[in-house]
Amino acid sequence: MLAAGDGANGGDGLLGGAGGDGGSVAITAAGQTVTLHESPGFIHLGDGGAGGTGVVGGQALLVFEVPEQVPSAGGGSGHLVVDAAVVAGVPAGEPVLDSQGQSHPTFVLAADSVTGGDGGDGGDWHYGVAPGSEASTWPSNRGPSVGRVGTSPVAVRGANGGDAEFQGGNGGDARVVRSGQAVGAGADAGDVTAVGGNGGD
């Protein structure tokens, strides 16, 4: 069995940490023949770790700088890399050309021969709202138009999912709430745009 490790999950916090990348399996036998003996699960490509959850609430809302992009992205998966002139023991695929025009052999593995290889999900981010609910987390004793958000427009994009050998990770949610925040007489309340992160390739 050839097994690479999975990426670690990101930690939780105000922004959440990014997930770690999964490990790759590399077989190097330049100019030689590599023979693969397939069996169920004989190769494991590392899965990407999930991004951590970010929660900004309470007094932290009064000083926190809202990012343009939530950084708690999912980790990318590992890959299978074989450097050999011939790969025997498995069905051959169509040769591929690299950027220099050199031909490289490919091969086909049974679906149950490889496990892992999925990207990690992007972490969800909650600003002014409790995870799993619609409850506001703004402090009740704030004055008019306080906080780094103030009345300026806010635009934030959620964390991206990790790229993968097989299944890309899901993009994370971004939830921003400043309802009930007082503003001065005649002032605009300010727009909020929150877009979920992109899924991994």
C-alpha atoms as a PDB file:
ATOM      1  CA  MET A   1       0.000   0.000   0.000  1.00  0.00           C
ATOM      2  CA  LEU A   2       1.169   3.519  -0.828  1.00  0.00           C
ATOM      3  CA  ALA A   3      -0.464   6.067   1.467  1.00  0.00           C
ATOM      4  CA  ALA A   4      -0.006   9.806   1.850  1.00  0.00           C
ATOM      5  CA  GLY A   5      -1.303  11.761   4.830  1.00  0.00           C
ATOM      6  CA  ASP A   6      -4.410  13.922   4.906  1.00  0.00           C
ATOM      7  CA  GLY A   7      -4.117  17.657   5.450  1.00  0.00           C
ATOM      8  CA  ALA A   8      -4.986  18.981   8.907  1.00  0.00           C
ATOM      9  CA  ASN A   9      -8.150  20.995   9.454  1.00  0.00           C
ATOM     10  CA  GLY A  10      -7.761  24.705  10.069  1.00  0.00           C
ATOM     11  CA  GLY A  11      -8.390  26.068  13.539  1.00  0.00           C
ATOM     12  CA  ASP A  12     -11.440  28.110  14.530  1.00  0.00           C
ATOM     13  CA  GLY A  13     -11.194  31.780  15.455  1.00  0.00           C
ATOM     14  CA  LEU A  14     -12.153  35.256  14.276  1.00  0.00           C
ATOM     15  CA  LEU A  15     -11.261  34.347  10.700  1.00  0.00           C
ATOM     16  CA  GLY A  16     -10.561  30.617  10.911  1.00  0.00           C
ATOM     17  CA  GLY A  17      -7.411  28.981   9.642  1.00  0.00           C
ATOM     18  CA  ALA A  18      -6.847  27.452   6.233  1.00  0.00           C
ATOM     19  CA  GLY A  19      -6.872  23.676   5.856  1.00  0.00           C
ATOM     20  CA  GLY A  20      -3.610  21.914   5.098  1.00  0.00           C
ATOM     21  CA  ASP A  21      -2.842  20.278   1.766  1.00  0.00           C
ATOM     22  CA  GLY A  22      -3.015  16.513   1.458  1.00  0.00           C
ATOM     23  CA  GLY A  23       0.128  14.568   0.686  1.00  0.00           C
ATOM     24  CA  SER A  24       0.981  13.165  -2.753  1.00  0.00           C
ATOM     25  CA  VAL A  25       2.245   9.743  -3.772  1.00  0.00           C
ATOM     26  CA  ALA A  26       5.287   9.981  -6.062  1.00  0.00           C
ATOM     27  CA  ILE A  27       6.944   7.017  -7.785  1.00  0.00           C
ATOM     28  CA  THR A  28      10.219   7.904  -9.493  1.00  0.00           C
ATOM     29  CA  ALA A  29      11.976   5.504 -11.845  1.00  0.00           C
ATOM     30  CA  ALA A  30      13.106   7.724 -14.704  1.00  0.00           C
ATOM     31  CA  GLY A  31      13.633   5.731 -17.884  1.00  0.00           C
ATOM     32  CA  GLN A  32      12.650   2.471 -16.191  1.00  0.00           C
ATOM     33  CA  THR A  33       9.592   0.220 -15.951  1.00  0.00           C
ATOM     34  CA  VAL A  34       7.270   0.425 -12.956  1.00  0.00           C
ATOM     35  CA  THR A  35       4.893  -2.486 -12.338  1.00  0.00           C
ATOM     36  CA  LEU A  36       1.772  -1.781 -10.294  1.00  0.00           C
ATOM     37  CA  HIS A  37      -0.107  -4.624  -8.601  1.00  0.00           C
ATOM     38  CA  GLU A  38      -3.602  -3.280  -8.011  1.00  0.00           C
ATOM     39  CA  SER A  39      -5.797  -4.132  -5.060  1.00  0.00           C
ATOM     40  CA  PRO A  40      -8.640  -2.244  -3.385  1.00  0.00           C
ATOM     41  CA  GLY A  41      -7.298   0.850  -1.647  1.00  0.00           C
ATOM     42  CA  PHE A  42      -3.658   0.184  -2.492  1.00  0.00           C
ATOM     43  CA  ILE A  43      -3.047   3.924  -3.047  1.00  0.00           C
ATOM     44  CA  HIS A  44      -4.304   6.679  -0.754  1.00  0.00           C
ATOM     45  CA  LEU A  45      -3.928  10.273  -1.862  1.00  0.00           C
ATOM     46  CA  GLY A  46      -4.143  12.782   0.949  1.00  0.00           C
ATOM     47  CA  ASP A  47      -7.401  14.682   1.324  1.00  0.00           C
ATOM     48  CA  GLY A  48      -7.208  18.414   1.869  1.00  0.00           C
ATOM     49  CA  GLY A  49      -8.099  19.629   5.348  1.00  0.00           C
ATOM     50  CA  ALA A  50     -11.236  21.683   5.941  1.00  0.00           C
ATOM     51  CA  GLY A  51     -10.951  25.382   6.696  1.00  0.00           C
ATOM     52  CA  GLY A  52     -11.783  26.477  10.223  1.00  0.00           C
ATOM     53  CA  THR A  53     -14.914  28.345  11.243  1.00  0.00           C
ATOM     54  CA  GLY A  54     -14.672  32.098  11.777  1.00  0.00           C
ATOM     55  CA  VAL A  55     -16.974  33.876  14.223  1.00  0.00           C
ATOM     56  CA  VAL A  56     -16.823  37.616  14.961  1.00  0.00           C
ATOM     57  CA  GLY A  57     -19.223  38.721  17.673  1.00  0.00           C
ATOM     58  CA  GLY A  58     -19.556  40.851  20.772  1.00  0.00           C
ATOM     59  CA  GLN A  59     -16.978  43.575  21.408  1.00  0.00           C
ATOM     60  CA  ALA A  60     -14.754  42.218  18.618  1.00  0.00           C
ATOM     61  CA  LEU A  61     -17.264  43.631  16.121  1.00  0.00           C
ATOM     62  CA  LEU A  62     -16.365  47.155  17.202  1.00  0.00           C
ATOM     63  CA  VAL A  63     -12.739  46.912  16.073  1.00  0.00           C
ATOM     64  CA  PHE A  64     -12.567  44.066  13.559  1.00  0.00           C
ATOM     65  CA  GLU A  65     -11.443  44.808   9.993  1.00  0.00           C
ATOM     66  CA  VAL A  66     -13.703  42.967   7.550  1.00  0.00           C
ATOM     67  CA  PRO A  67     -11.574  41.198   4.900  1.00  0.00           C
ATOM     68  CA  GLU A  68     -12.342  41.157   1.205  1.00  0.00           C
ATOM     69  CA  GLN A  69     -11.790  37.393   1.148  1.00  0.00           C
ATOM     70  CA  VAL A  70     -12.147  35.002   4.070  1.00  0.00           C
ATOM     71  CA  PRO A  71      -8.772  33.192   4.319  1.00  0.00           C
ATOM     72  CA  SER A  72      -9.958  29.867   5.778  1.00  0.00           C
ATOM     73  CA  ALA A  73      -9.719  28.026   2.463  1.00  0.00           C
ATOM     74  CA  GLY A  74      -9.886  24.264   2.189  1.00  0.00           C
ATOM     75  CA  GLY A  75      -6.621  22.481   1.528  1.00  0.00           C
ATOM     76  CA  GLY A  76      -5.820  20.956  -1.834  1.00  0.00           C
ATOM     77  CA  SER A  77      -5.620  17.210  -2.233  1.00  0.00           C
ATOM     78  CA  GLY A  78      -2.506  15.222  -2.984  1.00  0.00           C
ATOM     79  CA  HIS A  79      -1.792  13.771  -6.415  1.00  0.00           C
ATOM     80  CA  LEU A  80      -0.348  10.604  -7.891  1.00  0.00           C
ATOM     81  CA  VAL A  81       2.884  11.303  -9.780  1.00  0.00           C
ATOM     82  CA  VAL A  82       4.699   8.532 -11.649  1.00  0.00           C
ATOM     83  CA  ASP A  83       7.982   9.253 -13.463  1.00  0.00           C
ATOM     84  CA  ALA A  84       8.743   6.154 -15.528  1.00  0.00           C
ATOM     85  CA  ALA A  85       9.228   5.107 -19.145  1.00  0.00           C
ATOM     86  CA  VAL A  86       6.681   2.287 -18.873  1.00  0.00           C
ATOM     87  CA  VAL A  87       3.937   1.540 -16.351  1.00  0.00           C
ATOM     88  CA  ALA A  88       3.083  -2.172 -16.406  1.00  0.00           C
ATOM     89  CA  GLY A  89       0.433  -4.240 -14.630  1.00  0.00           C
ATOM     90  CA  VAL A  90      -2.424  -1.838 -15.385  1.00  0.00           C
ATOM     91  CA  PRO A  91      -4.246  -0.850 -18.605  1.00  0.00           C
ATOM     92  CA  ALA A  92      -2.494   1.782 -20.681  1.00  0.00           C
ATOM     93  CA  GLY A  93      -4.163   5.086 -21.445  1.00  0.00           C
ATOM     94  CA  GLU A  94      -3.558   7.595 -24.202  1.00  0.00           C
ATOM     95  CA  PRO A  95      -0.099   9.247 -24.088  1.00  0.00           C
ATOM     96  CA  VAL A  96      -0.077  12.943 -23.214  1.00  0.00           C
ATOM     97  CA  LEU A  97       2.257  15.726 -24.306  1.00  0.00           C
ATOM     98  CA  ASP A  98       3.881  18.105 -21.847  1.00  0.00           C
ATOM     99  CA  SER A  99       4.579  21.793 -22.496  1.00  0.00           C
ATOM    100  CA  GLN A 100       7.845  20.872 -24.233  1.00  0.00           C
ATOM    101  CA  GLY A 101       6.117  18.464 -26.593  1.00  0.00           C
ATOM    102  CA  GLN A 102       7.479  15.336 -24.927  1.00  0.00           C
ATOM    103  CA  SER A 103       5.200  12.301 -24.780  1.00  0.00           C
ATOM    104  CA  HIS A 104       4.416  10.666 -21.443  1.00  0.00           C
ATOM    105  CA  PRO A 105       2.583   7.381 -20.862  1.00  0.00           C
ATOM    106  CA  THR A 106      -0.652   7.258 -18.918  1.00  0.00           C
ATOM    107  CA  PHE A 107      -2.447   4.384 -17.245  1.00  0.00           C
ATOM    108  CA  VAL A 108      -5.882   3.549 -15.907  1.00  0.00           C
ATOM    109  CA  LEU A 109      -6.520   2.408 -12.338  1.00  0.00           C
ATOM    110  CA  ALA A 110      -9.654   0.661 -11.122  1.00  0.00           C
ATOM    111  CA  ALA A 111     -12.042   2.934  -9.243  1.00  0.00           C
ATOM    112  CA  ASP A 112     -11.546   1.089  -5.945  1.00  0.00           C
ATOM    113  CA  SER A 113      -7.751   1.139  -6.175  1.00  0.00           C
ATOM    114  CA  VAL A 114      -7.376   4.756  -5.080  1.00  0.00           C
ATOM    115  CA  THR A 115      -8.891   6.404  -2.023  1.00  0.00           C
ATOM    116  CA  GLY A 116      -8.729  10.035  -0.916  1.00  0.00           C
ATOM    117  CA  GLY A 117      -7.754  12.776  -3.348  1.00  0.00           C
ATOM    118  CA  ASP A 118     -10.573  15.164  -2.367  1.00  0.00           C
ATOM    119  CA  GLY A 119     -10.216  18.850  -1.592  1.00  0.00           C
ATOM    120  CA  GLY A 120     -11.123  20.305   1.786  1.00  0.00           C
ATOM    121  CA  ASP A 121     -14.200  22.478   2.250  1.00  0.00           C
ATOM    122  CA  GLY A 122     -13.758  26.190   2.833  1.00  0.00           C
ATOM    123  CA  GLY A 123     -14.557  27.324   6.364  1.00  0.00           C
ATOM    124  CA  ASP A 124     -17.774  29.197   7.085  1.00  0.00           C
ATOM    125  CA  TRP A 125     -17.557  32.778   8.393  1.00  0.00           C
ATOM    126  CA  HIS A 126     -20.084  34.554  10.625  1.00  0.00           C
ATOM    127  CA  TYR A 127     -19.922  38.312  11.296  1.00  0.00           C
ATOM    128  CA  GLY A 128     -22.521  39.683  13.677  1.00  0.00           C
ATOM    129  CA  VAL A 129     -24.604  36.522  13.562  1.00  0.00           C
ATOM    130  CA  ALA A 130     -24.427  33.301  15.527  1.00  0.00           C
ATOM    131  CA  PRO A 131     -23.510  30.084  13.679  1.00  0.00           C
ATOM    132  CA  GLY A 132     -26.536  27.911  13.007  1.00  0.00           C
ATOM    133  CA  SER A 133     -29.065  30.632  13.778  1.00  0.00           C
ATOM    134  CA  GLU A 134     -30.212  34.124  12.827  1.00  0.00           C
ATOM    135  CA  ALA A 135     -29.459  35.602  16.251  1.00  0.00           C
ATOM    136  CA  SER A 136     -27.479  38.831  16.241  1.00  0.00           C
ATOM    137  CA  THR A 137     -24.200  38.839  18.182  1.00  0.00           C
ATOM    138  CA  TRP A 138     -23.811  42.623  18.268  1.00  0.00           C
ATOM    139  CA  PRO A 139     -23.237  44.056  21.759  1.00  0.00           C
ATOM    140  CA  SER A 140     -26.285  45.846  23.127  1.00  0.00           C
ATOM    141  CA  ASN A 141     -24.346  48.821  24.576  1.00  0.00           C
ATOM    142  CA  ARG A 142     -22.825  50.176  21.355  1.00  0.00           C
ATOM    143  CA  GLY A 143     -23.430  53.762  20.317  1.00  0.00           C
ATOM    144  CA  PRO A 144     -24.586  55.090  16.946  1.00  0.00           C
ATOM    145  CA  SER A 145     -22.466  54.128  13.926  1.00  0.00           C
ATOM    146  CA  VAL A 146     -19.723  52.441  15.918  1.00  0.00           C
ATOM    147  CA  GLY A 147     -17.407  49.722  14.748  1.00  0.00           C
ATOM    148  CA  ARG A 148     -15.054  49.330  11.802  1.00  0.00           C
ATOM    149  CA  VAL A 149     -18.038  48.561   9.575  1.00  0.00           C
ATOM    150  CA  GLY A 150     -19.703  51.883  10.390  1.00  0.00           C
ATOM    151  CA  THR A 151     -21.943  52.891   7.481  1.00  0.00           C
ATOM    152  CA  SER A 152     -19.465  52.095   4.697  1.00  0.00           C
ATOM    153  CA  PRO A 153     -20.404  49.429   2.130  1.00  0.00           C
ATOM    154  CA  VAL A 154     -19.142  45.966   3.021  1.00  0.00           C
ATOM    155  CA  ALA A 155     -18.267  43.287   0.456  1.00  0.00           C
ATOM    156  CA  VAL A 156     -16.777  39.979   1.519  1.00  0.00           C
ATOM    157  CA  ARG A 157     -16.274  36.670  -0.271  1.00  0.00           C
ATOM    158  CA  GLY A 158     -16.280  33.361   1.564  1.00  0.00           C
ATOM    159  CA  ALA A 159     -13.368  30.951   1.733  1.00  0.00           C
ATOM    160  CA  ASN A 160     -12.678  28.816  -1.322  1.00  0.00           C
ATOM    161  CA  GLY A 161     -12.754  25.036  -1.396  1.00  0.00           C
ATOM    162  CA  GLY A 162      -9.548  23.161  -2.081  1.00  0.00           C
ATOM    163  CA  ASP A 163      -8.563  21.902  -5.534  1.00  0.00           C
ATOM    164  CA  ALA A 164      -8.393  18.153  -5.916  1.00  0.00           C
ATOM    165  CA  GLU A 165      -7.372  15.135  -7.921  1.00  0.00           C
ATOM    166  CA  PHE A 166     -10.987  13.929  -7.778  1.00  0.00           C
ATOM    167  CA  GLN A 167     -13.601  16.009  -5.925  1.00  0.00           C
ATOM    168  CA  GLY A 168     -12.976  19.689  -5.224  1.00  0.00           C
ATOM    169  CA  GLY A 169     -13.950  21.060  -1.821  1.00  0.00           C
ATOM    170  CA  ASN A 170     -17.093  23.108  -1.271  1.00  0.00           C
ATOM    171  CA  GLY A 171     -16.802  26.857  -0.906  1.00  0.00           C
ATOM    172  CA  GLY A 172     -17.503  28.277   2.547  1.00  0.00           C
ATOM    173  CA  ASP A 173     -20.468  30.430   3.541  1.00  0.00           C
ATOM    174  CA  ALA A 174     -20.040  34.103   4.420  1.00  0.00           C
ATOM    175  CA  ARG A 175     -22.738  35.582   6.675  1.00  0.00           C
ATOM    176  CA  VAL A 176     -22.691  39.272   7.597  1.00  0.00           C
ATOM    177  CA  VAL A 177     -25.363  40.936   9.754  1.00  0.00           C
ATOM    178  CA  ARG A 178     -25.447  44.487  11.057  1.00  0.00           C
ATOM    179  CA  SER A 179     -29.214  44.864  11.411  1.00  0.00           C
ATOM    180  CA  GLY A 180     -30.316  47.192  14.169  1.00  0.00           C
ATOM    181  CA  GLN A 181     -27.089  49.200  14.091  1.00  0.00           C
ATOM    182  CA  ALA A 182     -28.020  52.804  14.677  1.00  0.00           C
ATOM    183  CA  VAL A 183     -26.933  55.529  12.242  1.00  0.00           C
ATOM    184  CA  GLY A 184     -27.106  59.300  12.422  1.00  0.00           C
ATOM    185  CA  ALA A 185     -30.133  61.242  11.216  1.00  0.00           C
ATOM    186  CA  GLY A 186     -30.336  61.263   7.404  1.00  0.00           C
ATOM    187  CA  ALA A 187     -27.327  58.940   7.018  1.00  0.00           C
ATOM    188  CA  ASP A 188     -27.232  55.918   4.744  1.00  0.00           C
ATOM    189  CA  ALA A 189     -27.094  52.585   6.526  1.00  0.00           C
ATOM    190  CA  GLY A 190     -24.602  51.139   4.040  1.00  0.00           C
ATOM    191  CA  ASP A 191     -24.816  48.123   1.781  1.00  0.00           C
ATOM    192  CA  VAL A 192     -23.676  44.604   2.672  1.00  0.00           C
ATOM    193  CA  THR A 193     -22.621  42.065   0.057  1.00  0.00           C
ATOM    194  CA  ALA A 194     -21.590  38.586   1.197  1.00  0.00           C
ATOM    195  CA  VAL A 195     -20.814  35.925  -1.407  1.00  0.00           C
ATOM    196  CA  GLY A 196     -19.965  32.312  -0.704  1.00  0.00           C
ATOM    197  CA  GLY A 197     -16.543  31.007  -1.628  1.00  0.00           C
ATOM    198  CA  ASN A 198     -15.792  29.181  -4.861  1.00  0.00           C
ATOM    199  CA  GLY A 199     -15.717  25.414  -4.937  1.00  0.00           C
ATOM    200  CA  GLY A 200     -12.390  23.773  -5.680  1.00  0.00           C
ATOM    201  CA  ASP A 201     -11.477  22.436  -9.114  1.00  0.00           C
END
